Amino acid sequence: MRTSALRPTEHPLGYLLRYWRQARRMSQLALAHHAQVSPRHLSFIESGRSAPSREMVITLAGALQVPLRERNDLLLAAGYAPAYRESDLAGPAMARVRAALERVLAHHEPYPAVVMDRHWNITQANRSAEVMFAHLRGDPPASATANVVRLMFDPRELRPHVVNWEQVAPALIQRVHREAVGGVPDPATRALLAEVLSRPDLPAAWREPDLAATVLPIIPVIFAKGGVTVSYFSMITTVGTPQDITAQELRVESFYPADLETERHRWT
């Protein structure tokens, strides 16, 4: 969330606090209760009449369950330096996280698994996932993207090979909204959705999230190409208690066989 939409008289921190209160459906009274501050003091902070301490900004962000990247935005809006760093996944600070990810990917063989960032870009994949996507995308692939959402909606990429695409595509849109970091799609994620949903052959109803629409407990994705048909459902793993932006935004998607034929299949 950025402050570019601020009205001239609006205080940057107050604007961001109100944004997150509305996203969490919390009143000032409810937030004050959760943060253990007086409603009057919170009202003064939102209006810009009171300058909160650094600790107070962090307390309010925690009560609102604001993601780490956006907590830095709150601190900057209040005039403080960011508190949370964003490490390079390939750097020494993330060595243990990287080793854990590699272990998870390796242990999930012979089934596919990938690591994605906040915006659904694949950053790592195990051997089975690499072979599966290479088979489905062809050689050479139609595009250079490694973004799962773009791949699923692009008629030159995975879309023609998804047997149940009419079920999977709207469910994927719901997932993007539901699994957004902090539960609120950021501007880049909203732009990604707008991009893929701008295709003229897609139903207009898909442009609005309907998080209560799923009927089945899971919707597997069924891929079919070159005489090979596989059906997978997936599970998502995140890093627990992260204190680094990169760590918080990483997700491992592990694919599990949805039928016996897929369970027997090996991507070699």
C-alpha atoms as a PDB file:
ATOM      1  CA  MET A   1       0.000   0.000   0.000  1.00  0.00           C
ATOM      2  CA  ARG A   2       1.377   3.414  -0.958  1.00  0.00           C
ATOM      3  CA  THR A   3       0.423   6.970  -0.040  1.00  0.00           C
ATOM      4  CA  SER A   4       0.058   8.193  -3.634  1.00  0.00           C
ATOM      5  CA  ALA A   5      -3.744   8.310  -3.264  1.00  0.00           C
ATOM      6  CA  LEU A   6      -3.597  10.623  -0.259  1.00  0.00           C
ATOM      7  CA  ARG A   7      -5.726  13.718  -0.169  1.00  0.00           C
ATOM      8  CA  PRO A   8      -3.639  16.884   0.373  1.00  0.00           C
ATOM      9  CA  THR A   9      -4.785  17.274   3.986  1.00  0.00           C
ATOM     10  CA  GLU A  10      -4.510  13.612   4.932  1.00  0.00           C
ATOM     11  CA  HIS A  11      -1.757  12.383   7.224  1.00  0.00           C
ATOM     12  CA  PRO A  12       0.266   9.533   5.615  1.00  0.00           C
ATOM     13  CA  LEU A  13       0.349   7.311   8.713  1.00  0.00           C
ATOM     14  CA  GLY A  14      -3.317   7.919   9.474  1.00  0.00           C
ATOM     15  CA  TYR A  15      -4.251   7.025   5.911  1.00  0.00           C
ATOM     16  CA  LEU A  16      -2.338   3.732   6.065  1.00  0.00           C
ATOM     17  CA  LEU A  17      -3.756   2.834   9.480  1.00  0.00           C
ATOM     18  CA  ARG A  18      -7.298   3.426   8.248  1.00  0.00           C
ATOM     19  CA  TYR A  19      -6.569   1.369   5.134  1.00  0.00           C
ATOM     20  CA  TRP A  20      -5.445  -1.617   7.218  1.00  0.00           C
ATOM     21  CA  ARG A  21      -8.283  -1.186   9.716  1.00  0.00           C
ATOM     22  CA  GLN A  22     -10.766  -1.346   6.844  1.00  0.00           C
ATOM     23  CA  ALA A  23      -8.955  -4.343   5.327  1.00  0.00           C
ATOM     24  CA  ARG A  24      -9.228  -6.123   8.698  1.00  0.00           C
ATOM     25  CA  ARG A  25     -12.762  -4.853   9.290  1.00  0.00           C
ATOM     26  CA  MET A  26     -11.755  -3.310  12.603  1.00  0.00           C
ATOM     27  CA  SER A  27     -13.125  -0.185  14.204  1.00  0.00           C
ATOM     28  CA  GLN A  28     -10.882   2.266  16.034  1.00  0.00           C
ATOM     29  CA  LEU A  29     -12.280   0.876  19.280  1.00  0.00           C
ATOM     30  CA  ALA A  30     -11.469  -2.711  18.303  1.00  0.00           C
ATOM     31  CA  LEU A  31      -7.937  -1.805  17.217  1.00  0.00           C
ATOM     32  CA  ALA A  32      -7.358   0.167  20.407  1.00  0.00           C
ATOM     33  CA  HIS A  33      -8.472  -2.874  22.408  1.00  0.00           C
ATOM     34  CA  HIS A  34      -6.181  -5.265  20.521  1.00  0.00           C
ATOM     35  CA  ALA A  35      -3.211  -2.884  20.746  1.00  0.00           C
ATOM     36  CA  GLN A  36      -3.984  -2.010  24.384  1.00  0.00           C
ATOM     37  CA  VAL A  37      -4.000   1.727  23.789  1.00  0.00           C
ATOM     38  CA  SER A  38      -6.699   4.279  24.495  1.00  0.00           C
ATOM     39  CA  PRO A  39      -9.216   4.957  21.692  1.00  0.00           C
ATOM     40  CA  ARG A  40      -8.531   8.683  22.147  1.00  0.00           C
ATOM     41  CA  HIS A  41      -4.798   8.225  21.562  1.00  0.00           C
ATOM     42  CA  LEU A  42      -5.434   6.068  18.483  1.00  0.00           C
ATOM     43  CA  SER A  43      -7.840   8.683  17.128  1.00  0.00           C
ATOM     44  CA  PHE A  44      -5.189  11.371  17.576  1.00  0.00           C
ATOM     45  CA  ILE A  45      -2.587   9.208  15.768  1.00  0.00           C
ATOM     46  CA  GLU A  46      -4.898   8.627  12.796  1.00  0.00           C
ATOM     47  CA  SER A  47      -5.766  12.301  12.531  1.00  0.00           C
ATOM     48  CA  GLY A  48      -2.123  13.374  12.771  1.00  0.00           C
ATOM     49  CA  ARG A  49      -2.680  15.271  16.019  1.00  0.00           C
ATOM     50  CA  SER A  50      -0.338  12.917  17.889  1.00  0.00           C
ATOM     51  CA  ALA A  51       3.043  11.569  16.774  1.00  0.00           C
ATOM     52  CA  PRO A  52       3.381   7.924  17.843  1.00  0.00           C
ATOM     53  CA  SER A  53       6.632   6.383  18.996  1.00  0.00           C
ATOM     54  CA  ARG A  54       8.383   3.802  16.868  1.00  0.00           C
ATOM     55  CA  GLU A  55       7.272   1.114  19.314  1.00  0.00           C
ATOM     56  CA  MET A  56       3.645   2.254  19.036  1.00  0.00           C
ATOM     57  CA  VAL A  57       3.715   2.001  15.231  1.00  0.00           C
ATOM     58  CA  ILE A  58       5.077  -1.549  15.488  1.00  0.00           C
ATOM     59  CA  THR A  59       2.429  -2.411  18.102  1.00  0.00           C
ATOM     60  CA  LEU A  60      -0.402  -1.148  15.892  1.00  0.00           C
ATOM     61  CA  ALA A  61       1.028  -2.953  12.866  1.00  0.00           C
ATOM     62  CA  GLY A  62       1.171  -6.173  14.866  1.00  0.00           C
ATOM     63  CA  ALA A  63      -2.414  -5.783  16.074  1.00  0.00           C
ATOM     64  CA  LEU A  64      -3.497  -5.283  12.452  1.00  0.00           C
ATOM     65  CA  GLN A  65      -1.393  -8.248  11.244  1.00  0.00           C
ATOM     66  CA  VAL A  66       0.275  -6.037   8.652  1.00  0.00           C
ATOM     67  CA  PRO A  67       2.888  -7.877   6.526  1.00  0.00           C
ATOM     68  CA  LEU A  68       6.524  -6.971   7.187  1.00  0.00           C
ATOM     69  CA  ARG A  69       7.008  -5.082   3.903  1.00  0.00           C
ATOM     70  CA  GLU A  70       3.991  -2.883   4.669  1.00  0.00           C
ATOM     71  CA  ARG A  71       5.095  -2.446   8.295  1.00  0.00           C
ATOM     72  CA  ASN A  72       8.133  -0.691   6.908  1.00  0.00           C
ATOM     73  CA  ASP A  73       5.763   1.588   4.964  1.00  0.00           C
ATOM     74  CA  LEU A  74       3.973   2.459   8.227  1.00  0.00           C
ATOM     75  CA  LEU A  75       7.270   3.259   9.930  1.00  0.00           C
ATOM     76  CA  LEU A  76       8.399   5.441   7.032  1.00  0.00           C
ATOM     77  CA  ALA A  77       5.054   7.269   7.050  1.00  0.00           C
ATOM     78  CA  ALA A  78       5.602   7.976  10.770  1.00  0.00           C
ATOM     79  CA  GLY A  79       9.115   9.303  10.109  1.00  0.00           C
ATOM     80  CA  TYR A  80      11.101   6.275  11.249  1.00  0.00           C
ATOM     81  CA  ALA A  81      13.588   4.022   9.500  1.00  0.00           C
ATOM     82  CA  PRO A  82      12.352   0.598   8.347  1.00  0.00           C
ATOM     83  CA  ALA A  83      12.640  -2.211  10.907  1.00  0.00           C
ATOM     84  CA  TYR A  84      12.569  -5.237   8.635  1.00  0.00           C
ATOM     85  CA  ARG A  85      15.180  -6.117   6.066  1.00  0.00           C
ATOM     86  CA  GLU A  86      14.683  -7.798   2.707  1.00  0.00           C
ATOM     87  CA  SER A  87      17.496 -10.278   2.204  1.00  0.00           C
ATOM     88  CA  ASP A  88      18.708 -11.768  -1.036  1.00  0.00           C
ATOM     89  CA  LEU A  89      17.556 -15.393  -1.053  1.00  0.00           C
ATOM     90  CA  ALA A  90      20.956 -16.355  -2.484  1.00  0.00           C
ATOM     91  CA  GLY A  91      22.835 -14.439   0.226  1.00  0.00           C
ATOM     92  CA  PRO A  92      24.446 -15.740   3.442  1.00  0.00           C
ATOM     93  CA  ALA A  93      21.668 -14.370   5.694  1.00  0.00           C
ATOM     94  CA  MET A  94      19.177 -16.733   4.079  1.00  0.00           C
ATOM     95  CA  ALA A  95      21.444 -19.807   4.033  1.00  0.00           C
ATOM     96  CA  ARG A  96      19.382 -21.785   6.556  1.00  0.00           C
ATOM     97  CA  VAL A  97      16.095 -20.899   4.902  1.00  0.00           C
ATOM     98  CA  ARG A  98      17.528 -21.786   1.508  1.00  0.00           C
ATOM     99  CA  ALA A  99      18.799 -25.128   2.834  1.00  0.00           C
ATOM    100  CA  ALA A 100      15.381 -25.878   4.314  1.00  0.00           C
ATOM    101  CA  LEU A 101      13.679 -25.070   1.016  1.00  0.00           C
ATOM    102  CA  GLU A 102      16.081 -27.296  -0.901  1.00  0.00           C
ATOM    103  CA  ARG A 103      15.423 -30.111   1.580  1.00  0.00           C
ATOM    104  CA  VAL A 104      11.651 -29.760   1.229  1.00  0.00           C
ATOM    105  CA  LEU A 105      11.889 -29.772  -2.568  1.00  0.00           C
ATOM    106  CA  ALA A 106      14.184 -32.803  -2.629  1.00  0.00           C
ATOM    107  CA  HIS A 107      12.128 -34.798  -0.147  1.00  0.00           C
ATOM    108  CA  HIS A 108       8.974 -34.241  -2.191  1.00  0.00           C
ATOM    109  CA  GLU A 109      10.364 -36.217  -5.133  1.00  0.00           C
ATOM    110  CA  PRO A 110       9.099 -37.981  -7.200  1.00  0.00           C
ATOM    111  CA  TYR A 111       6.277 -35.428  -7.195  1.00  0.00           C
ATOM    112  CA  PRO A 112       6.592 -31.793  -8.334  1.00  0.00           C
ATOM    113  CA  ALA A 113       7.198 -28.919  -5.927  1.00  0.00           C
ATOM    114  CA  VAL A 114       8.090 -25.260  -6.476  1.00  0.00           C
ATOM    115  CA  VAL A 115       9.011 -22.202  -4.434  1.00  0.00           C
ATOM    116  CA  MET A 116       7.182 -18.976  -5.303  1.00  0.00           C
ATOM    117  CA  ASP A 117       7.620 -15.379  -4.240  1.00  0.00           C
ATOM    118  CA  ARG A 118       4.895 -12.929  -3.252  1.00  0.00           C
ATOM    119  CA  HIS A 119       3.786 -12.426  -6.858  1.00  0.00           C
ATOM    120  CA  TRP A 120       3.637 -16.091  -7.913  1.00  0.00           C
ATOM    121  CA  ASN A 121       7.020 -16.109  -9.647  1.00  0.00           C
ATOM    122  CA  ILE A 122       8.770 -19.480  -9.415  1.00  0.00           C
ATOM    123  CA  THR A 123      12.165 -19.030  -7.746  1.00  0.00           C
ATOM    124  CA  GLN A 124      13.080 -22.705  -7.230  1.00  0.00           C
ATOM    125  CA  ALA A 125      11.761 -26.069  -8.378  1.00  0.00           C
ATOM    126  CA  ASN A 126      12.619 -29.701  -7.827  1.00  0.00           C
ATOM    127  CA  ARG A 127      13.590 -31.992 -10.697  1.00  0.00           C
ATOM    128  CA  SER A 128      10.080 -33.400 -11.150  1.00  0.00           C
ATOM    129  CA  ALA A 129       8.588 -29.907 -11.465  1.00  0.00           C
ATOM    130  CA  GLU A 130      11.251 -28.872 -13.970  1.00  0.00           C
ATOM    131  CA  VAL A 131      10.570 -31.925 -16.151  1.00  0.00           C
ATOM    132  CA  MET A 132       6.788 -31.582 -15.862  1.00  0.00           C
ATOM    133  CA  PHE A 133       6.751 -27.915 -16.866  1.00  0.00           C
ATOM    134  CA  ALA A 134       9.247 -28.523 -19.669  1.00  0.00           C
ATOM    135  CA  HIS A 135       6.960 -31.258 -21.042  1.00  0.00           C
ATOM    136  CA  LEU A 136       3.842 -29.085 -20.823  1.00  0.00           C
ATOM    137  CA  ARG A 137       5.426 -25.882 -22.138  1.00  0.00           C
ATOM    138  CA  GLY A 138       7.419 -27.417 -24.984  1.00  0.00           C
ATOM    139  CA  ASP A 139      10.919 -26.681 -26.216  1.00  0.00           C
ATOM    140  CA  PRO A 140      11.384 -23.808 -26.576  1.00  0.00           C
ATOM    141  CA  PRO A 141       8.605 -22.461 -24.345  1.00  0.00           C
ATOM    142  CA  ALA A 142       6.276 -19.837 -25.806  1.00  0.00           C
ATOM    143  CA  SER A 143       7.377 -17.171 -23.322  1.00  0.00           C
ATOM    144  CA  ALA A 144      10.158 -16.445 -20.860  1.00  0.00           C
ATOM    145  CA  THR A 145       7.818 -16.068 -17.876  1.00  0.00           C
ATOM    146  CA  ALA A 146       8.130 -18.180 -14.760  1.00  0.00           C
ATOM    147  CA  ASN A 147       4.975 -16.745 -13.241  1.00  0.00           C
ATOM    148  CA  VAL A 148       2.398 -19.406 -12.351  1.00  0.00           C
ATOM    149  CA  VAL A 149      -0.635 -17.159 -12.909  1.00  0.00           C
ATOM    150  CA  ARG A 150       0.556 -15.990 -16.334  1.00  0.00           C
ATOM    151  CA  LEU A 151       1.416 -19.566 -17.346  1.00  0.00           C
ATOM    152  CA  MET A 152      -2.037 -20.836 -16.396  1.00  0.00           C
ATOM    153  CA  PHE A 153      -3.895 -18.103 -18.308  1.00  0.00           C
ATOM    154  CA  ASP A 154      -1.680 -17.887 -21.401  1.00  0.00           C
ATOM    155  CA  PRO A 155      -3.215 -19.855 -24.321  1.00  0.00           C
ATOM    156  CA  ARG A 156       0.322 -20.458 -25.630  1.00  0.00           C
ATOM    157  CA  GLU A 157       1.483 -21.973 -22.348  1.00  0.00           C
ATOM    158  CA  LEU A 158      -0.261 -24.256 -19.802  1.00  0.00           C
ATOM    159  CA  ARG A 159      -3.861 -23.295 -20.476  1.00  0.00           C
ATOM    160  CA  PRO A 160      -4.475 -25.661 -23.454  1.00  0.00           C
ATOM    161  CA  HIS A 161      -3.109 -28.581 -21.422  1.00  0.00           C
ATOM    162  CA  VAL A 162      -5.343 -28.095 -18.364  1.00  0.00           C
ATOM    163  CA  VAL A 163      -8.292 -30.442 -18.920  1.00  0.00           C
ATOM    164  CA  ASN A 164     -10.454 -28.798 -16.253  1.00  0.00           C
ATOM    165  CA  TRP A 165      -9.335 -25.233 -16.917  1.00  0.00           C
ATOM    166  CA  GLU A 166     -12.865 -23.815 -16.497  1.00  0.00           C
ATOM    167  CA  GLN A 167     -12.774 -25.032 -12.881  1.00  0.00           C
ATOM    168  CA  VAL A 168      -9.130 -24.368 -12.155  1.00  0.00           C
ATOM    169  CA  ALA A 169      -8.893 -20.788 -13.497  1.00  0.00           C
ATOM    170  CA  PRO A 170     -11.540 -19.160 -11.238  1.00  0.00           C
ATOM    171  CA  ALA A 171     -10.266 -21.204  -8.287  1.00  0.00           C
ATOM    172  CA  LEU A 172      -6.761 -19.870  -8.973  1.00  0.00           C
ATOM    173  CA  ILE A 173      -8.081 -16.305  -8.922  1.00  0.00           C
ATOM    174  CA  GLN A 174      -9.625 -16.996  -5.530  1.00  0.00           C
ATOM    175  CA  ARG A 175      -6.309 -18.427  -4.356  1.00  0.00           C
ATOM    176  CA  VAL A 176      -4.435 -15.301  -5.401  1.00  0.00           C
ATOM    177  CA  HIS A 177      -6.762 -13.212  -3.239  1.00  0.00           C
ATOM    178  CA  ARG A 178      -6.879 -15.683  -0.352  1.00  0.00           C
ATOM    179  CA  GLU A 179      -3.138 -16.392  -0.215  1.00  0.00           C
ATOM    180  CA  ALA A 180      -1.964 -12.813  -0.706  1.00  0.00           C
ATOM    181  CA  VAL A 181       0.617 -11.900   1.926  1.00  0.00           C
ATOM    182  CA  GLY A 182      -1.353 -10.408   4.776  1.00  0.00           C
ATOM    183  CA  GLY A 183      -4.605 -11.401   3.081  1.00  0.00           C
ATOM    184  CA  VAL A 184      -4.700  -8.222   0.969  1.00  0.00           C
ATOM    185  CA  PRO A 185      -3.396  -8.232  -2.631  1.00  0.00           C
ATOM    186  CA  ASP A 186      -0.767  -5.533  -3.071  1.00  0.00           C
ATOM    187  CA  PRO A 187      -0.684  -3.239  -6.143  1.00  0.00           C
ATOM    188  CA  ALA A 188       1.623  -5.581  -8.102  1.00  0.00           C
ATOM    189  CA  THR A 189      -0.643  -8.565  -7.428  1.00  0.00           C
ATOM    190  CA  ARG A 190      -3.729  -6.578  -8.421  1.00  0.00           C
ATOM    191  CA  ALA A 191      -1.941  -5.545 -11.619  1.00  0.00           C
ATOM    192  CA  LEU A 192      -1.085  -9.186 -12.332  1.00  0.00           C
ATOM    193  CA  LEU A 193      -4.732 -10.176 -11.922  1.00  0.00           C
ATOM    194  CA  ALA A 194      -5.899  -7.284 -14.104  1.00  0.00           C
ATOM    195  CA  GLU A 195      -3.421  -8.339 -16.788  1.00  0.00           C
ATOM    196  CA  VAL A 196      -4.526 -11.974 -17.024  1.00  0.00           C
ATOM    197  CA  LEU A 197      -8.214 -11.174 -16.605  1.00  0.00           C
ATOM    198  CA  SER A 198      -8.155  -8.600 -19.402  1.00  0.00           C
ATOM    199  CA  ARG A 199      -8.361 -11.381 -21.995  1.00  0.00           C
ATOM    200  CA  PRO A 200     -11.652 -10.948 -23.904  1.00  0.00           C
ATOM    201  CA  ASP A 201     -12.564 -14.646 -23.767  1.00  0.00           C
ATOM    202  CA  LEU A 202     -12.831 -14.737 -19.958  1.00  0.00           C
ATOM    203  CA  PRO A 203     -16.164 -14.391 -18.109  1.00  0.00           C
ATOM    204  CA  ALA A 204     -16.655 -10.971 -16.541  1.00  0.00           C
ATOM    205  CA  ALA A 205     -17.688 -12.636 -13.274  1.00  0.00           C
ATOM    206  CA  TRP A 206     -14.142 -13.898 -12.800  1.00  0.00           C
ATOM    207  CA  ARG A 207     -12.929 -10.348 -12.288  1.00  0.00           C
ATOM    208  CA  GLU A 208     -14.461 -10.225  -8.804  1.00  0.00           C
ATOM    209  CA  PRO A 209     -13.202 -12.566  -6.057  1.00  0.00           C
ATOM    210  CA  ASP A 210     -15.808 -14.914  -4.618  1.00  0.00           C
ATOM    211  CA  LEU A 211     -14.027 -16.600  -1.745  1.00  0.00           C
ATOM    212  CA  ALA A 212     -17.144 -18.556  -0.734  1.00  0.00           C
ATOM    213  CA  ALA A 213     -17.825 -20.072  -4.151  1.00  0.00           C
ATOM    214  CA  THR A 214     -15.773 -23.277  -3.892  1.00  0.00           C
ATOM    215  CA  VAL A 215     -18.075 -26.313  -3.719  1.00  0.00           C
ATOM    216  CA  LEU A 216     -15.546 -29.162  -3.622  1.00  0.00           C
ATOM    217  CA  PRO A 217     -13.063 -29.552  -0.733  1.00  0.00           C
ATOM    218  CA  ILE A 218     -10.257 -29.444  -3.308  1.00  0.00           C
ATOM    219  CA  ILE A 219     -10.084 -28.801  -7.041  1.00  0.00           C
ATOM    220  CA  PRO A 220      -7.251 -30.815  -8.602  1.00  0.00           C
ATOM    221  CA  VAL A 221      -5.546 -29.541 -11.722  1.00  0.00           C
ATOM    222  CA  ILE A 222      -5.553 -32.116 -14.519  1.00  0.00           C
ATOM    223  CA  PHE A 223      -2.757 -31.782 -17.069  1.00  0.00           C
ATOM    224  CA  ALA A 224      -2.848 -33.715 -20.355  1.00  0.00           C
ATOM    225  CA  LYS A 225      -0.337 -33.631 -23.196  1.00  0.00           C
ATOM    226  CA  GLY A 226       1.350 -36.163 -25.463  1.00  0.00           C
ATOM    227  CA  GLY A 227      -0.553 -39.127 -24.077  1.00  0.00           C
ATOM    228  CA  VAL A 228       0.344 -38.266 -20.469  1.00  0.00           C
ATOM    229  CA  THR A 229      -2.495 -37.295 -18.111  1.00  0.00           C
ATOM    230  CA  VAL A 230      -1.836 -36.404 -14.468  1.00  0.00           C
ATOM    231  CA  SER A 231      -4.049 -34.981 -11.739  1.00  0.00           C
ATOM    232  CA  TYR A 232      -2.656 -33.077  -8.760  1.00  0.00           C
ATOM    233  CA  PHE A 233      -3.875 -31.133  -5.775  1.00  0.00           C
ATOM    234  CA  SER A 234      -1.434 -28.944  -3.892  1.00  0.00           C
ATOM    235  CA  MET A 235      -0.522 -27.836  -0.388  1.00  0.00           C
ATOM    236  CA  ILE A 236       1.206 -24.589   0.585  1.00  0.00           C
ATOM    237  CA  THR A 237       4.045 -24.265   3.102  1.00  0.00           C
ATOM    238  CA  THR A 238       5.235 -20.945   4.513  1.00  0.00           C
ATOM    239  CA  VAL A 239       8.081 -19.925   6.822  1.00  0.00           C
ATOM    240  CA  GLY A 240       6.980 -19.739  10.454  1.00  0.00           C
ATOM    241  CA  THR A 241       7.596 -16.592  12.568  1.00  0.00           C
ATOM    242  CA  PRO A 242       9.556 -14.745   9.864  1.00  0.00           C
ATOM    243  CA  GLN A 243      11.443 -11.555  10.685  1.00  0.00           C
ATOM    244  CA  ASP A 244      12.707 -10.977   7.160  1.00  0.00           C
ATOM    245  CA  ILE A 245      10.548  -9.759   4.264  1.00  0.00           C
ATOM    246  CA  THR A 246      11.935 -12.321   1.825  1.00  0.00           C
ATOM    247  CA  ALA A 247      11.305 -15.181   4.250  1.00  0.00           C
ATOM    248  CA  GLN A 248       7.726 -14.073   4.933  1.00  0.00           C
ATOM    249  CA  GLU A 249       6.839 -13.832   1.264  1.00  0.00           C
ATOM    250  CA  LEU A 250       8.146 -17.262   0.205  1.00  0.00           C
ATOM    251  CA  ARG A 251       5.721 -20.144  -0.357  1.00  0.00           C
ATOM    252  CA  VAL A 252       6.372 -23.764  -1.247  1.00  0.00           C
ATOM    253  CA  GLU A 253       3.674 -25.374  -3.380  1.00  0.00           C
ATOM    254  CA  SER A 254       3.868 -29.162  -3.213  1.00  0.00           C
ATOM    255  CA  PHE A 255       1.834 -31.193  -5.698  1.00  0.00           C
ATOM    256  CA  TYR A 256       0.235 -34.456  -4.560  1.00  0.00           C
ATOM    257  CA  PRO A 257      -1.316 -37.159  -6.767  1.00  0.00           C
ATOM    258  CA  ALA A 258      -5.113 -37.001  -6.901  1.00  0.00           C
ATOM    259  CA  ASP A 259      -5.447 -40.521  -8.381  1.00  0.00           C
ATOM    260  CA  LEU A 260      -3.547 -43.799  -8.619  1.00  0.00           C
ATOM    261  CA  GLU A 261      -2.415 -43.219 -12.206  1.00  0.00           C
ATOM    262  CA  THR A 262      -0.722 -39.976 -11.209  1.00  0.00           C
ATOM    263  CA  GLU A 263       0.785 -41.597  -8.134  1.00  0.00           C
ATOM    264  CA  ARG A 264       2.492 -44.154 -10.368  1.00  0.00           C
ATOM    265  CA  HIS A 265       3.731 -41.570 -12.886  1.00  0.00           C
ATOM    266  CA  ARG A 266       7.362 -40.500 -12.737  1.00  0.00           C
ATOM    267  CA  TRP A 267       8.705 -37.351 -14.386  1.00  0.00           C
ATOM    268  CA  THR A 268      12.069 -38.479 -15.726  1.00  0.00           C
END
